[in-house]
Protein backbone atom coordinates (compact mmCIF):
# COMPACT_ATOMS: atom_id res chain seq x y z
CA MET A 1 -54.04 74.43 -41.37
CA HIS A 2 -51.74 77.03 -39.75
CA SER A 3 -52.50 78.15 -36.25
CA VAL A 4 -52.77 81.86 -35.65
CA LEU A 5 -49.97 83.09 -33.43
CA PRO A 6 -50.96 85.51 -30.69
CA GLU A 7 -49.89 89.06 -31.30
CA LYS A 8 -47.09 90.41 -29.16
CA PRO A 9 -48.62 92.91 -26.75
CA ARG A 10 -47.24 96.44 -26.95
CA PHE A 11 -47.09 98.25 -23.65
CA LEU A 12 -46.34 101.90 -24.31
CA PHE A 13 -44.93 102.53 -20.85
CA LEU A 14 -41.90 100.44 -21.88
CA ASP A 15 -41.45 102.60 -24.99
CA ILE A 16 -41.76 105.73 -22.85
CA ALA A 17 -39.17 104.33 -20.42
CA ARG A 18 -36.74 103.61 -23.28
CA GLY A 19 -37.40 107.07 -24.66
CA LEU A 20 -36.59 108.67 -21.31
CA ALA A 21 -33.36 106.67 -21.13
CA ILE A 22 -32.38 107.84 -24.63
CA VAL A 23 -33.14 111.49 -23.77
CA GLU A 24 -30.95 111.20 -20.67
CA MET A 25 -28.19 109.67 -22.81
CA ILE A 26 -28.40 112.61 -25.21
CA HIS A 27 -28.31 114.94 -22.22
CA GLY A 28 -25.46 113.12 -20.48
CA HIS A 29 -23.27 112.64 -23.52
CA SER A 30 -23.74 116.27 -24.57
CA LEU A 31 -22.60 117.51 -21.16
CA HIS A 32 -19.71 115.05 -21.13
CA ALA A 33 -18.46 115.98 -24.60
CA LEU A 34 -19.22 119.69 -24.87
CA LEU A 35 -19.36 121.38 -21.46
CA SER A 36 -16.43 123.63 -20.56
CA PRO A 37 -14.06 122.12 -17.93
CA SER A 38 -14.40 125.26 -15.82
CA LEU A 39 -18.08 124.43 -15.32
CA ARG A 40 -17.53 120.81 -14.31
CA ALA A 41 -17.53 121.56 -10.60
CA GLY A 42 -20.10 122.32 -7.98
CA GLY A 43 -23.35 120.74 -6.88
CA PHE A 44 -25.03 120.67 -10.28
CA PHE A 45 -22.32 118.61 -11.95
CA ALA A 46 -22.04 116.26 -8.96
CA ALA A 47 -25.82 115.73 -8.96
CA TRP A 48 -25.79 115.07 -12.70
CA ASN A 49 -22.99 112.50 -12.33
CA TYR A 50 -25.06 110.71 -9.70
CA VAL A 51 -28.22 110.68 -11.84
CA ARG A 52 -26.20 109.56 -14.85
CA GLU A 53 -25.30 106.34 -13.02
CA TYR A 54 -28.94 105.28 -13.33
CA THR A 55 -29.23 105.68 -17.11
CA ALA A 56 -27.50 102.49 -18.29
CA PRO A 57 -29.09 100.28 -15.58
CA PHE A 58 -32.51 101.69 -16.59
CA PHE A 59 -31.86 100.84 -20.24
CA LEU A 60 -30.78 97.31 -19.26
CA LEU A 61 -33.70 96.76 -16.90
CA ILE A 62 -36.18 97.78 -19.60
CA ALA A 63 -34.40 95.48 -22.11
CA GLY A 64 -34.92 92.49 -19.80
CA PHE A 65 -38.49 93.53 -19.00
CA THR A 66 -39.34 93.91 -22.70
CA PHE A 67 -37.76 90.55 -23.55
CA VAL A 68 -40.08 88.69 -21.18
CA VAL A 69 -43.16 90.70 -22.15
CA SER A 70 -42.58 89.90 -25.84
CA THR A 71 -41.60 86.26 -25.21
CA LEU A 72 -44.26 84.86 -22.89
CA PRO A 73 -47.27 85.31 -25.24
CA ARG A 74 -45.39 83.37 -27.95
CA SER A 75 -43.17 81.18 -25.80
CA GLU A 76 -43.77 78.02 -27.86
CA GLU A 77 -42.45 79.84 -30.90
CA TYR A 78 -39.10 80.33 -29.18
CA ARG A 79 -38.79 76.90 -27.55
CA HIS A 80 -37.72 75.10 -30.71
CA PHE A 81 -35.53 75.93 -33.67
CA SER A 82 -37.80 78.10 -35.76
CA THR A 83 -37.46 81.02 -38.14
CA SER A 84 -38.62 83.36 -35.39
CA LEU A 85 -35.94 82.08 -33.00
CA ILE A 86 -33.19 82.39 -35.62
CA ARG A 87 -34.26 85.94 -36.45
CA ARG A 88 -34.29 86.87 -32.78
CA ILE A 89 -30.80 85.46 -32.17
CA ALA A 90 -29.60 87.26 -35.31
CA ARG A 91 -30.94 90.54 -33.89
CA PHE A 92 -29.03 89.97 -30.66
CA PHE A 93 -25.79 89.34 -32.55
CA PHE A 94 -26.47 92.39 -34.70
CA VAL A 95 -26.66 94.51 -31.55
CA ILE A 96 -23.28 93.11 -30.46
CA ILE A 97 -21.73 93.85 -33.86
CA VAL A 98 -23.06 97.41 -33.82
CA GLY A 99 -21.42 97.85 -30.43
CA TYR A 100 -18.03 97.03 -31.93
CA VAL A 101 -18.61 99.12 -35.07
CA LEU A 102 -19.19 102.18 -32.88
CA HIS A 103 -15.65 101.80 -31.55
CA LEU A 104 -13.81 100.99 -34.76
CA PRO A 105 -10.48 102.87 -34.80
CA PHE A 106 -10.45 102.99 -38.63
CA PHE A 107 -12.88 102.28 -41.46
CA SER A 108 -10.53 99.62 -42.78
CA LEU A 109 -9.93 96.05 -41.62
CA GLN A 110 -6.31 96.19 -42.74
CA LYS A 111 -5.53 99.37 -40.82
CA THR A 112 -7.54 98.24 -37.78
CA LEU A 113 -5.53 95.02 -37.54
CA GLN A 114 -2.31 97.02 -37.74
CA VAL A 115 -3.05 98.65 -34.38
CA ALA A 116 -3.51 95.29 -32.59
CA GLY A 117 -1.96 95.44 -29.15
CA THR A 118 -2.12 99.23 -28.91
CA PRO A 119 -4.47 101.36 -26.74
CA ALA A 120 -6.64 101.99 -29.84
CA TRP A 121 -7.11 98.23 -30.22
CA ASP A 122 -7.99 97.87 -26.54
CA ARG A 123 -10.59 100.63 -26.82
CA PHE A 124 -12.09 98.83 -29.81
CA LEU A 125 -12.37 95.51 -27.93
CA GLN A 126 -13.80 96.90 -24.71
CA VAL A 127 -17.40 95.96 -24.02
CA ASP A 128 -19.99 98.73 -24.18
CA ILE A 129 -23.67 98.64 -23.29
CA LEU A 130 -24.77 97.15 -26.64
CA GLN A 131 -22.47 94.14 -26.28
CA CYS A 132 -23.65 93.73 -22.70
CA ILE A 133 -27.29 93.76 -23.82
CA GLY A 134 -26.71 91.40 -26.75
CA VAL A 135 -24.80 88.78 -24.76
CA SER A 136 -27.19 88.97 -21.78
CA LEU A 137 -30.23 88.55 -24.05
CA CYS A 138 -28.62 85.52 -25.70
CA LEU A 139 -28.19 83.92 -22.28
CA LEU A 140 -31.74 84.85 -21.35
CA GLN A 141 -33.04 83.37 -24.60
CA PHE A 142 -31.22 80.11 -23.86
CA LEU A 143 -32.91 79.99 -20.45
CA TYR A 144 -36.34 80.51 -22.05
CA PHE A 145 -35.54 77.94 -24.74
CA LEU A 146 -35.43 75.28 -22.02
CA ARG A 147 -38.77 73.84 -20.97
CA LEU A 148 -38.55 74.70 -17.30
CA LYS A 149 -41.26 75.31 -14.76
CA THR A 150 -41.96 78.93 -13.90
CA VAL A 151 -40.65 78.58 -10.35
CA VAL A 152 -37.45 76.93 -11.55
CA ARG A 153 -36.83 79.62 -14.17
CA THR A 154 -37.43 82.35 -11.59
CA MET A 155 -34.97 80.75 -9.18
CA ILE A 156 -32.37 80.48 -11.94
CA LEU A 157 -32.79 84.19 -12.74
CA ILE A 158 -32.27 85.07 -9.08
CA LEU A 159 -29.22 82.79 -9.07
CA PHE A 160 -27.92 84.57 -12.21
CA ILE A 161 -28.16 87.93 -10.45
CA ALA A 162 -26.44 86.70 -7.30
CA THR A 163 -23.71 84.96 -9.33
CA VAL A 164 -23.03 88.07 -11.42
CA LEU A 165 -22.66 90.26 -8.32
CA VAL A 166 -20.40 87.79 -6.51
CA MET A 167 -18.25 87.15 -9.58
CA THR A 168 -17.85 90.88 -10.14
CA LEU A 169 -16.03 91.05 -6.80
CA CYS A 170 -13.95 87.92 -7.42
CA LEU A 171 -12.97 88.15 -11.10
CA PRO A 172 -10.26 90.85 -10.74
CA PHE A 173 -8.37 88.47 -8.45
CA VAL A 174 -8.63 85.38 -10.66
CA PRO A 175 -5.30 84.83 -12.51
CA LEU A 176 -7.03 82.87 -15.28
CA ILE A 177 -8.89 86.01 -16.41
CA GLU A 178 -5.65 87.78 -17.37
CA ALA A 179 -4.62 84.72 -19.40
CA LEU A 180 -7.75 84.91 -21.57
CA PRO A 181 -7.59 86.49 -25.04
CA THR A 182 -8.20 90.23 -24.79
CA PHE A 183 -11.44 89.94 -26.78
CA VAL A 184 -12.84 87.53 -24.17
CA LYS A 185 -11.26 89.13 -21.10
CA TYR A 186 -13.11 92.41 -21.60
CA TYR A 187 -16.44 90.60 -21.10
CA PHE A 188 -15.36 89.91 -17.54
CA VAL A 189 -13.20 92.84 -16.40
CA GLN A 190 -11.83 96.26 -17.36
CA SER A 191 -14.79 97.32 -19.53
CA HIS A 192 -17.07 100.26 -18.90
CA PHE A 193 -20.17 98.08 -19.30
CA SER A 194 -18.94 94.57 -18.64
CA PRO A 195 -21.74 92.00 -18.10
CA PHE A 196 -20.23 91.76 -14.62
CA PRO A 197 -22.07 93.49 -12.95
CA PHE A 198 -24.35 95.20 -15.51
CA SER A 199 -26.14 92.10 -16.81
CA ALA A 200 -27.64 91.77 -13.33
CA TYR A 201 -29.92 94.73 -14.13
CA LEU A 202 -31.16 93.04 -17.31
CA PHE A 203 -31.88 89.80 -15.45
CA PHE A 204 -33.68 91.77 -12.75
CA GLY A 205 -35.73 93.43 -15.49
CA ALA A 206 -36.66 89.96 -16.72
CA LEU A 207 -37.89 89.09 -13.23
CA CYS A 208 -39.97 92.27 -13.18
CA GLY A 209 -41.38 91.43 -16.62
CA ARG A 210 -42.44 88.01 -15.39
CA LEU A 211 -44.09 89.56 -12.33
CA PHE A 212 -45.92 92.01 -14.60
CA MET A 213 -47.17 89.34 -17.00
CA ARG A 214 -48.27 86.92 -14.29
CA ARG A 215 -49.90 89.44 -11.94
CA LYS A 216 -51.12 92.30 -14.12
CA HIS A 217 -54.06 93.13 -11.88
CA GLU A 218 -51.86 93.22 -8.78
CA TRP A 219 -48.75 94.54 -10.54
CA THR A 220 -48.72 98.08 -9.15
CA GLY A 221 -49.01 97.08 -5.50
CA SER A 222 -46.56 94.19 -5.80
CA ALA A 223 -44.01 96.26 -7.72
CA VAL A 224 -44.15 99.18 -5.27
CA ILE A 225 -43.68 96.84 -2.30
CA LEU A 226 -40.76 95.13 -4.04
CA SER A 227 -39.11 98.43 -5.00
CA LEU A 228 -39.41 99.80 -1.46
CA ALA A 229 -38.06 96.53 -0.02
CA LEU A 230 -35.03 96.75 -2.31
CA VAL A 231 -34.33 100.35 -1.31
CA VAL A 232 -34.55 99.41 2.38
CA LEU A 233 -32.28 96.39 1.87
CA SER A 234 -29.72 98.64 0.16
CA GLY A 235 -29.01 100.01 3.62
CA ILE A 236 -26.81 96.98 4.27
CA ARG A 237 -23.87 99.14 3.21
CA TYR A 238 -24.11 100.83 6.61
CA ILE A 239 -23.90 97.47 8.34
CA HIS A 240 -21.05 95.99 6.33
CA PRO A 241 -18.99 98.24 3.99
CA ASP A 242 -17.90 95.29 1.81
CA THR A 243 -21.47 95.00 0.51
CA ILE A 244 -21.28 98.29 -1.41
CA LEU A 245 -21.69 96.63 -4.84
CA CYS A 246 -24.75 94.65 -3.76
CA SER A 247 -26.13 97.72 -2.00
CA ASN A 248 -25.77 99.87 -5.12
CA PHE A 249 -27.51 97.22 -7.19
CA LEU A 250 -30.41 96.97 -4.72
CA LEU A 251 -30.81 100.75 -4.51
CA LYS A 252 -30.74 101.37 -8.26
CA SER A 253 -32.98 98.40 -8.98
CA GLY A 254 -35.51 99.56 -6.41
CA VAL A 255 -35.55 103.15 -7.66
CA LEU A 256 -35.76 102.12 -11.32
CA LEU A 257 -38.52 99.60 -10.65
CA PHE A 258 -40.47 102.32 -8.85
CA ILE A 259 -40.07 104.67 -11.85
CA THR A 260 -41.15 101.88 -14.21
CA THR A 261 -44.20 101.21 -12.03
CA LEU A 262 -45.18 104.90 -12.12
CA LEU A 263 -44.87 104.89 -15.90
CA SER A 264 -47.03 101.77 -16.14
CA CYS A 265 -49.79 103.60 -14.22
CA GLY A 266 -49.96 106.13 -17.05
CA GLU A 267 -50.46 103.56 -19.82
CA ARG A 268 -53.78 105.10 -20.94
CA LEU A 269 -52.21 108.55 -21.00
CA TRP A 270 -49.32 107.39 -23.21
CA HIS A 271 -51.79 106.24 -25.88
CA ARG A 272 -53.01 109.82 -26.21
CA LEU A 273 -49.56 111.20 -26.93
CA PRO A 274 -48.57 112.28 -30.46
CA SER A 275 -47.12 109.45 -32.54
CA VAL A 276 -43.73 111.15 -32.76
CA ILE A 277 -43.32 110.76 -28.98
CA LYS A 278 -44.58 107.18 -28.86
CA VAL A 279 -42.22 106.13 -31.67
CA PHE A 280 -39.18 107.69 -29.99
CA GLY A 281 -38.68 104.77 -27.60
CA GLN A 282 -39.49 102.14 -30.23
CA GLU A 283 -36.48 103.21 -32.30
CA SER A 284 -34.05 103.16 -29.39
CA LEU A 285 -31.20 101.37 -31.21
CA PHE A 286 -31.45 103.74 -34.20
CA LEU A 287 -31.42 106.75 -31.87
CA TYR A 288 -28.61 105.40 -29.69
CA VAL A 289 -26.28 104.94 -32.66
CA LEU A 290 -27.26 108.20 -34.35
CA HIS A 291 -26.81 110.39 -31.28
CA LEU A 292 -23.32 108.96 -30.70
CA PHE A 293 -22.40 109.70 -34.32
CA ILE A 294 -23.62 113.28 -33.94
CA ILE A 295 -22.05 114.01 -30.55
CA TYR A 296 -18.83 111.99 -30.53
CA GLY A 297 -18.33 111.26 -34.23
CA SER A 298 -17.12 107.97 -35.65
CA VAL A 299 -14.87 106.52 -38.35
CA PHE A 300 -17.38 107.97 -40.81
CA ASN A 301 -17.71 111.53 -39.52
CA ASN A 302 -16.54 114.22 -37.11
CA GLY A 303 -18.99 114.88 -34.30
CA LEU A 304 -19.86 117.95 -32.29
CA ARG A 305 -17.03 117.15 -29.89
CA HIS A 306 -14.54 117.70 -32.72
CA LEU A 307 -16.14 121.05 -33.53
CA PHE A 308 -16.65 122.48 -30.05
CA GLY A 309 -14.79 120.21 -27.63
CA GLY A 310 -15.25 121.25 -24.02
CA THR A 311 -15.92 124.92 -24.77
CA LEU A 312 -19.68 125.42 -24.38
CA SER A 313 -21.57 127.00 -21.52
CA CYS A 314 -24.49 125.31 -19.76
CA GLY A 315 -26.99 127.32 -21.78
CA GLU A 316 -25.29 126.41 -25.05
CA VAL A 317 -25.12 122.72 -24.14
CA TYR A 318 -28.81 122.62 -23.24
CA THR A 319 -29.64 124.36 -26.50
CA VAL A 320 -27.77 121.56 -28.29
CA VAL A 321 -29.67 118.96 -26.21
CA CYS A 322 -33.05 120.45 -27.16
CA ILE A 323 -32.18 120.72 -30.86
CA LEU A 324 -30.77 117.19 -30.94
CA THR A 325 -33.80 115.74 -29.17
CA ILE A 326 -36.20 117.39 -31.61
CA LEU A 327 -34.10 116.44 -34.65
CA LEU A 328 -33.71 112.83 -33.56
CA SER A 329 -37.43 112.59 -32.77
CA LEU A 330 -38.29 113.65 -36.32
CA LEU A 331 -35.71 111.28 -37.83
CA ALA A 332 -36.97 108.37 -35.71
CA TYR A 333 -40.57 109.09 -36.68
CA SER A 334 -39.65 109.31 -40.38
CA TRP A 335 -37.68 106.05 -40.30
CA HIS A 336 -40.43 104.30 -38.35
CA SER A 337 -43.03 105.48 -40.88
CA VAL A 338 -40.96 104.25 -43.83
CA LYS A 339 -40.48 100.84 -42.17
CA HIS A 340 -44.21 100.37 -41.73
CA THR A 341 -45.41 102.00 -44.93
CA TYR A 342 -42.75 100.61 -47.27
CA PRO A 343 -41.26 97.61 -45.42
CA VAL A 344 -39.65 96.12 -48.53
CA VAL A 345 -37.94 99.41 -49.36
CA ALA A 346 -36.72 99.86 -45.77
CA ARG A 347 -35.43 96.28 -45.63
CA GLY A 348 -33.68 96.66 -48.97
CA PHE A 349 -32.08 99.91 -47.83
CA ARG A 350 -30.80 98.28 -44.63
CA TYR A 351 -29.34 95.29 -46.46
CA ALA A 352 -27.71 97.52 -49.08
CA LEU A 353 -26.19 99.62 -46.30
CA TYR A 354 -24.86 96.55 -44.44
CA ILE A 355 -23.40 95.00 -47.59
CA THR A 356 -21.79 98.25 -48.74
CA PHE A 357 -20.28 98.85 -45.32
CA THR A 358 -18.92 95.30 -45.08
CA ILE A 359 -17.36 95.33 -48.53
CA ARG A 360 -15.77 98.75 -48.01
CA PHE A 361 -14.48 97.79 -44.56
CA LEU A 362 -12.94 94.52 -45.79
CA THR A 363 -11.36 95.92 -48.96
CA ARG A 364 -10.31 99.46 -48.00
CA PRO A 365 -6.51 99.51 -47.59
CA TYR A 366 -6.28 102.66 -45.42
């Protein structure tokens, strides 16, 4: 007789948080790609650049938080080699692969290999946020695969965060790093979203997820106290300037945890929102890839940057942001509906797309 597995709880505040991060990505990438250079000065642009630094850490923190929230209710399912575990690991590797596909220099394996050793090859191999998320989640899954006590696992997560921050400072001065193959080296240094230091935000999110799951009734108070403590501790930069990296991590983590806590207080409100808004955050990977295709283009298409470059005014850019947000919301809702109404059709479409892409990429000579 098969035991009934507990359903994974769905907390809408995490979907809303992911949705907000995606909207800020659409906003940030649109400004970066389309705004006229003459308008990239002054207080507004400086303020936007500062706020933009919080977007990726927020996305990573929510990824770690969501991992724990979805894992703990079915932890036994992921503590042995099962179909569920294999599927989960496959999803993590798929995220990593998508990260590389987004930076392909050509839609041809033969032509891509021909640029090995050039700047185009280096741009292809550099680690972006999807690779950082995929690799960090694999490490997190390994930690949760082990049958460790809660206290031990929590201490290891704290150790992970401390190790990542310390290694971020040390790695540029380690000669062995430069001797590594380029593909491996970029996971340590010289990437825009290297796991060092960005995986620390995902591991911190996992700690927050554990706190939320273990102390739901006291979550708000505990989380606010923790977030304020982190912001206060970030002041160590004024005591010792060499602690700037740690200080930045503490400040961003504290602010982002506080925002997440505020969103969690509105959980009942989020359930009253139209489905199109609730679904937006659930399809974050779909939206992330699609908005990059539209704004920056890819090996498959020319994006808005190719059409307009840095020629638009603020008003024009924000018009693009509004139109893109509405369009992507409708596309996400449509895709989400198809997946749940016709799951076999959606799965078949995905597999056909993956197979077609792979065959074309491997066989196309130019």
